[in-house]
Protein backbone atom coordinates (compact mmCIF):
# COMPACT_ATOMS: atom_id res chain seq x y z
CA MET A 1 -0.07 -0.01 -0.05
CA VAL A 2 2.80 2.44 0.95
CA PRO A 3 4.58 2.17 -2.51
CA CYS A 4 1.23 2.80 -4.33
CA LEU A 5 0.33 5.78 -2.25
CA PHE A 6 3.82 7.34 -1.94
CA PRO A 7 5.60 6.36 -5.29
CA PHE A 8 7.67 9.60 -5.16
CA LEU A 9 9.37 8.47 -1.85
CA SER A 10 12.67 6.61 -1.79
CA LEU A 11 12.87 3.09 -0.32
CA LEU A 12 14.66 4.57 2.82
CA ALA A 13 12.00 7.23 3.26
CA MET A 14 9.13 4.66 2.94
CA LEU A 15 10.39 2.65 5.93
CA PRO A 16 9.16 5.01 8.70
CA VAL A 17 5.96 5.49 6.81
CA ALA A 18 5.51 1.69 6.55
CA ALA A 19 6.34 1.34 10.22
CA LEU A 20 3.53 3.87 11.10
CA VAL A 21 1.06 2.04 8.91
CA MET A 22 1.88 -1.35 10.39
CA VAL A 23 1.53 -0.15 14.01
CA SER A 24 -1.61 1.53 13.09
CA THR A 25 -3.16 -1.60 11.43
CA TYR A 26 -2.13 -3.69 14.50
CA ALA A 27 -3.66 -1.12 16.81
CA LEU A 28 -6.77 -1.03 14.87
CA ALA A 29 -7.10 -4.85 14.65
CA GLY A 30 -6.52 -5.16 18.41
CA TRP A 31 -9.28 -2.61 19.04
CA LEU A 32 -11.78 -4.31 16.76
CA ARG A 33 -10.94 -7.66 18.39
CA ARG A 34 -11.70 -6.42 21.77
CA LEU A 35 -14.85 -4.56 20.44
CA LEU A 36 -16.20 -7.71 18.77
CA ASP A 37 -15.03 -9.99 21.79
CA MET A 38 -13.04 -12.25 19.31
CA THR A 39 -10.56 -14.84 20.32
CA ALA A 40 -6.89 -14.44 19.42
CA SER A 41 -5.99 -14.59 15.79
CA ALA A 42 -2.33 -13.73 15.84
CA PRO A 43 -1.09 -17.29 14.89
CA ALA A 44 -3.28 -17.29 11.73
CA MET A 45 -1.91 -13.80 10.84
CA VAL A 46 1.64 -15.16 11.29
CA ILE A 47 0.95 -18.01 8.90
CA ILE A 48 -0.74 -15.58 6.42
CA HIS A 49 2.24 -13.21 6.38
CA ILE A 50 4.61 -16.04 5.81
CA LEU A 51 2.75 -17.46 3.09
CA PHE A 52 2.19 -14.03 1.31
CA VAL A 53 5.82 -13.25 1.56
CA TRP A 54 6.85 -16.65 0.25
CA GLY A 55 4.28 -16.32 -2.56
CA VAL A 56 5.70 -12.93 -3.64
CA TYR A 57 9.11 -14.61 -3.64
CA ILE A 58 8.04 -17.52 -5.77
CA THR A 59 6.00 -15.56 -8.28
CA VAL A 60 8.05 -12.48 -8.64
CA ILE A 61 11.56 -12.44 -7.16
CA ARG A 62 12.73 -16.06 -7.65
CA GLU A 63 13.60 -15.57 -11.42
CA ALA A 64 16.52 -13.18 -10.47
CA ILE A 65 17.92 -15.13 -7.70
CA PRO A 66 20.87 -17.68 -8.02
CA ASN A 67 19.88 -21.36 -7.58
CA LEU A 68 21.92 -21.84 -4.24
CA LEU A 69 20.29 -18.69 -2.59
CA ASP A 70 16.96 -19.78 -3.89
CA ALA A 71 17.35 -23.30 -2.40
CA ILE A 72 18.51 -21.76 0.99
CA LEU A 73 15.58 -19.34 1.23
CA ASN A 74 12.88 -21.98 0.42
CA MET A 75 14.46 -24.43 2.91
CA GLU A 76 14.31 -21.54 5.56
CA PHE A 77 10.51 -21.05 4.89
CA ILE A 78 9.91 -24.87 5.15
CA LEU A 79 11.76 -25.10 8.41
CA LEU A 80 9.84 -22.08 9.78
CA PHE A 81 6.56 -23.90 9.10
CA ILE A 82 7.87 -27.01 10.84
CA GLY A 83 8.90 -25.01 13.76
CA LEU A 84 5.59 -23.22 13.99
CA TYR A 85 3.70 -26.45 13.81
CA ARG A 86 5.74 -27.89 16.68
CA ILE A 87 5.40 -24.85 18.91
CA PHE A 88 1.64 -24.30 18.14
CA TYR A 89 0.73 -27.80 19.35
CA GLY A 90 3.64 -28.70 21.50
CA ASP A 91 3.68 -28.99 25.36
CA PRO A 92 5.22 -25.83 26.86
CA GLY A 93 5.76 -27.78 30.18
CA ILE A 94 2.33 -28.12 31.65
CA VAL A 95 2.24 -29.09 35.34
CA PRO A 96 -0.65 -31.46 36.11
CA VAL A 97 -2.94 -30.44 39.05
CA LYS A 98 -4.16 -33.01 41.43
CA SER A 99 -7.54 -31.52 41.93
CA THR A 100 -9.66 -29.61 39.67
CA CYS A 101 -11.35 -26.28 40.64
CA THR A 102 -13.76 -23.87 38.86
CA GLY A 103 -11.87 -20.63 39.76
CA ALA A 104 -8.46 -19.92 38.32
CA PRO A 105 -5.86 -19.44 41.08
CA GLU A 106 -3.67 -16.31 40.83
CA GLN A 107 -0.57 -18.48 41.55
CA THR A 108 0.14 -22.16 41.73
CA ASP A 109 0.02 -23.61 45.26
CA ASN A 110 2.73 -26.23 46.18
CA SER A 111 0.10 -28.61 47.58
CA ASP A 112 -1.78 -28.65 44.26
CA VAL A 113 1.04 -29.42 41.88
CA ASP A 114 1.95 -33.06 41.16
CA LEU A 115 5.68 -32.90 41.47
CA SER A 116 7.71 -35.94 42.76
CA ASN A 117 10.10 -33.68 44.61
CA LYS A 118 8.38 -31.02 46.90
CA GLY A 119 11.64 -29.37 47.68
CA SER A 120 12.66 -28.79 43.97
CA PRO A 121 13.85 -25.33 43.17
CA LEU A 122 11.82 -25.56 39.98
CA LEU A 123 8.61 -25.64 42.03
CA SER A 124 8.86 -21.85 42.75
CA ARG A 125 8.92 -21.14 39.09
CA VAL A 126 5.66 -22.80 38.14
CA ARG A 127 3.35 -20.02 36.99
CA TYR A 128 -0.32 -19.91 36.05
CA CYS A 129 -1.21 -18.67 32.57
CA TYR A 130 -4.53 -16.75 32.46
CA PHE A 131 -4.73 -17.17 28.64
CA CYS A 132 -4.39 -20.90 28.49
CA LYS A 133 -5.82 -21.60 31.99
CA ARG A 134 -3.02 -24.03 33.04
CA ASN A 135 0.13 -24.25 35.11
CA VAL A 136 3.39 -24.08 33.23
CA ASN A 137 6.81 -25.08 34.56
CA ARG A 138 9.69 -22.37 34.21
CA PHE A 139 6.93 -20.14 32.55
CA ASP A 140 8.49 -17.31 30.41
CA HIS A 141 5.42 -15.72 28.92
CA HIS A 142 2.39 -16.29 26.87
CA CYS A 143 3.28 -15.58 23.20
CA PRO A 144 0.22 -14.45 21.37
CA ALA A 145 1.98 -14.80 17.88
CA PHE A 146 2.50 -18.56 18.52
CA GLY A 147 -0.72 -18.98 20.42
CA ASN A 148 0.92 -20.91 23.18
CA CYS A 149 2.81 -20.49 26.60
CA ILE A 150 6.68 -20.53 26.44
CA GLY A 151 8.02 -22.74 29.19
CA GLN A 152 10.34 -25.33 30.10
CA LYS A 153 9.76 -27.69 27.26
CA ASN A 154 9.57 -25.21 24.41
CA HIS A 155 11.76 -22.27 25.33
CA HIS A 156 14.64 -23.61 23.23
CA LEU A 157 12.38 -23.95 20.29
CA PHE A 158 11.00 -20.43 20.88
CA MET A 159 14.50 -19.07 20.64
CA VAL A 160 15.44 -21.20 17.50
CA LEU A 161 12.13 -19.79 15.89
CA VAL A 162 12.95 -16.12 16.55
CA ILE A 163 16.50 -16.57 15.11
CA GLY A 164 14.96 -18.47 12.23
CA PHE A 165 12.55 -15.49 11.54
CA ILE A 166 15.40 -13.04 11.61
CA ILE A 167 17.57 -15.05 9.26
CA THR A 168 14.66 -15.86 6.81
CA GLU A 169 13.48 -12.18 6.73
CA ALA A 170 17.12 -11.04 6.35
CA THR A 171 17.62 -13.60 3.37
CA PHE A 172 14.37 -12.41 1.82
CA SER A 173 15.48 -8.77 2.05
CA LEU A 174 18.61 -9.65 0.30
CA CYS A 175 16.85 -11.47 -2.38
CA SER A 176 14.46 -8.53 -2.81
CA SER A 177 17.45 -6.22 -3.10
CA GLN A 178 18.97 -8.43 -5.68
CA TYR A 179 15.46 -8.37 -7.72
CA ILE A 180 15.43 -4.59 -7.48
CA LYS A 181 18.97 -4.40 -8.67
CA VAL A 182 18.46 -6.75 -11.65
CA SER A 183 15.29 -5.04 -12.64
CA SER A 184 16.75 -1.56 -12.49
CA LEU A 185 19.63 -2.54 -14.65
CA ALA A 186 17.13 -4.12 -17.34
CA ASN A 187 15.33 -0.92 -17.51
CA SER A 188 18.31 1.53 -17.80
CA GLY A 189 18.66 2.09 -14.14
CA ARG A 190 14.94 2.72 -13.36
CA PHE A 191 12.87 0.40 -11.28
CA GLU A 192 9.25 -0.19 -12.59
CA ARG A 193 6.60 0.63 -9.87
CA ASP A 194 4.11 -1.70 -11.41
CA LEU A 195 2.18 -4.37 -9.40
CA PRO A 196 5.22 -6.85 -9.07
CA GLY A 197 7.38 -4.00 -8.25
CA ASN A 198 4.98 -2.63 -5.52
CA LEU A 199 4.72 -6.26 -4.15
CA VAL A 200 8.34 -6.63 -3.94
CA THR A 201 8.85 -3.12 -2.22
CA SER A 202 6.01 -3.66 0.09
CA THR A 203 7.22 -7.13 1.44
CA LEU A 204 10.83 -5.81 1.49
CA LEU A 205 9.74 -2.99 3.77
CA PHE A 206 7.75 -5.41 5.98
CA SER A 207 10.76 -7.79 6.32
CA CYS A 208 13.03 -4.92 7.31
CA LEU A 209 10.73 -3.67 9.95
CA GLN A 210 10.42 -7.15 11.39
CA VAL A 211 14.13 -7.61 11.68
CA LEU A 212 14.43 -4.18 13.28
CA TRP A 213 12.25 -5.22 16.24
CA GLN A 214 13.05 -8.77 16.25
CA VAL A 215 16.86 -8.22 16.80
CA PRO A 216 16.29 -6.21 20.08
CA PHE A 217 13.64 -8.80 21.08
CA LEU A 218 16.13 -11.57 20.65
CA THR A 219 18.92 -9.66 22.50
CA TRP A 220 16.48 -9.20 25.37
CA HIS A 221 15.76 -12.91 25.72
CA ILE A 222 19.52 -13.68 25.46
CA TYR A 223 19.92 -11.29 28.36
CA CYS A 224 17.24 -12.90 30.40
CA ILE A 225 18.81 -16.36 29.82
CA CYS A 226 22.27 -15.06 30.85
CA CYS A 227 20.67 -13.60 34.04
CA ASN A 228 18.58 -16.73 34.74
CA ILE A 229 15.44 -14.80 34.77
CA LYS A 230 12.12 -15.19 32.97
CA THR A 231 10.13 -12.51 31.15
CA GLU A 232 7.28 -12.78 33.48
CA GLU A 233 9.43 -12.59 36.46
CA TRP A 234 11.29 -9.48 35.24
CA VAL A 235 7.88 -7.91 34.49
CA SER A 236 6.66 -8.80 37.92
CA ILE A 237 9.85 -8.62 39.77
CA PHE A 238 8.64 -7.05 42.90
CA MET A 239 6.00 -9.81 43.39
CA TYR A 240 8.58 -12.70 44.05
CA LYS A 241 10.29 -12.94 47.33
CA TYR A 242 13.54 -14.41 46.11
CA PHE A 243 14.19 -11.61 43.82
CA HIS A 244 13.46 -9.26 46.70
CA GLU A 245 16.26 -11.05 48.81
CA GLN A 246 18.68 -10.74 45.87
CA LEU A 247 17.95 -7.08 45.26
CA HIS A 248 18.17 -6.31 48.99
CA THR A 249 21.55 -8.04 49.23
CA PHE A 250 22.75 -6.17 46.18
CA LEU A 251 21.75 -2.81 47.60
CA CYS A 252 23.26 -3.49 50.93
CA LEU A 253 26.59 -4.52 49.33
CA THR A 254 26.34 -1.44 47.15
CA GLN A 255 25.79 0.85 50.17
CA ALA A 256 28.62 -0.72 52.04
CA GLY A 257 31.00 -0.09 49.14
CA THR A 258 31.66 -3.81 48.39
CA ILE A 259 30.15 -3.28 44.87
CA LYS A 260 31.23 -0.27 43.08
């Protein structure tokens, strides 16, 4: 849409405009979903986005791409779908509860969780997901894009998928740039802004925007892994006693001059 409405802008100038359009679209979709009381549809949107980008590549861009790079990108798309299927329907680390109850507890009680070792340190990191209505071991967060909780059993897959998305989108951006370069050379240095050209430009902008926010997102999760803290624990850090004790110890050592 952006290339059609603003054909006079350069590709770099279109990037912030496309970002504004994308954010506004997501905000409008979220408002309509809440207004109509609809269930989450983010996983379906993820699949549609991937299929659309892959379709543009196969029908338009592929002819200008070397065979090796073409095989690599197609394999990346296939691996993404395999990973998405596994994370959509996989077990994030659900902890069985001995007794059922009609009300959803705010936090899992140790007496309700069926773990063989009551003294296990993992027990304190079982969290209740209000979206999925279940207890998850080493709960990190509920991912709307994947429609599932991220916990002990699928956290590695989640990280691999985020890296896979970044690599695939970066490879697609490289292929799109190659197509624009080849098309410009074939038209005396001028890139045609016809329907195929607009599709390539739009998907290139979309991929670049995805990489721009996914790289900091990945960096954040790597930081959390290094610090042995979950996303939900960081957001609600003052709710958990063991973080209070660590923070108190750190502040005391800082005031005493032990840590500078």
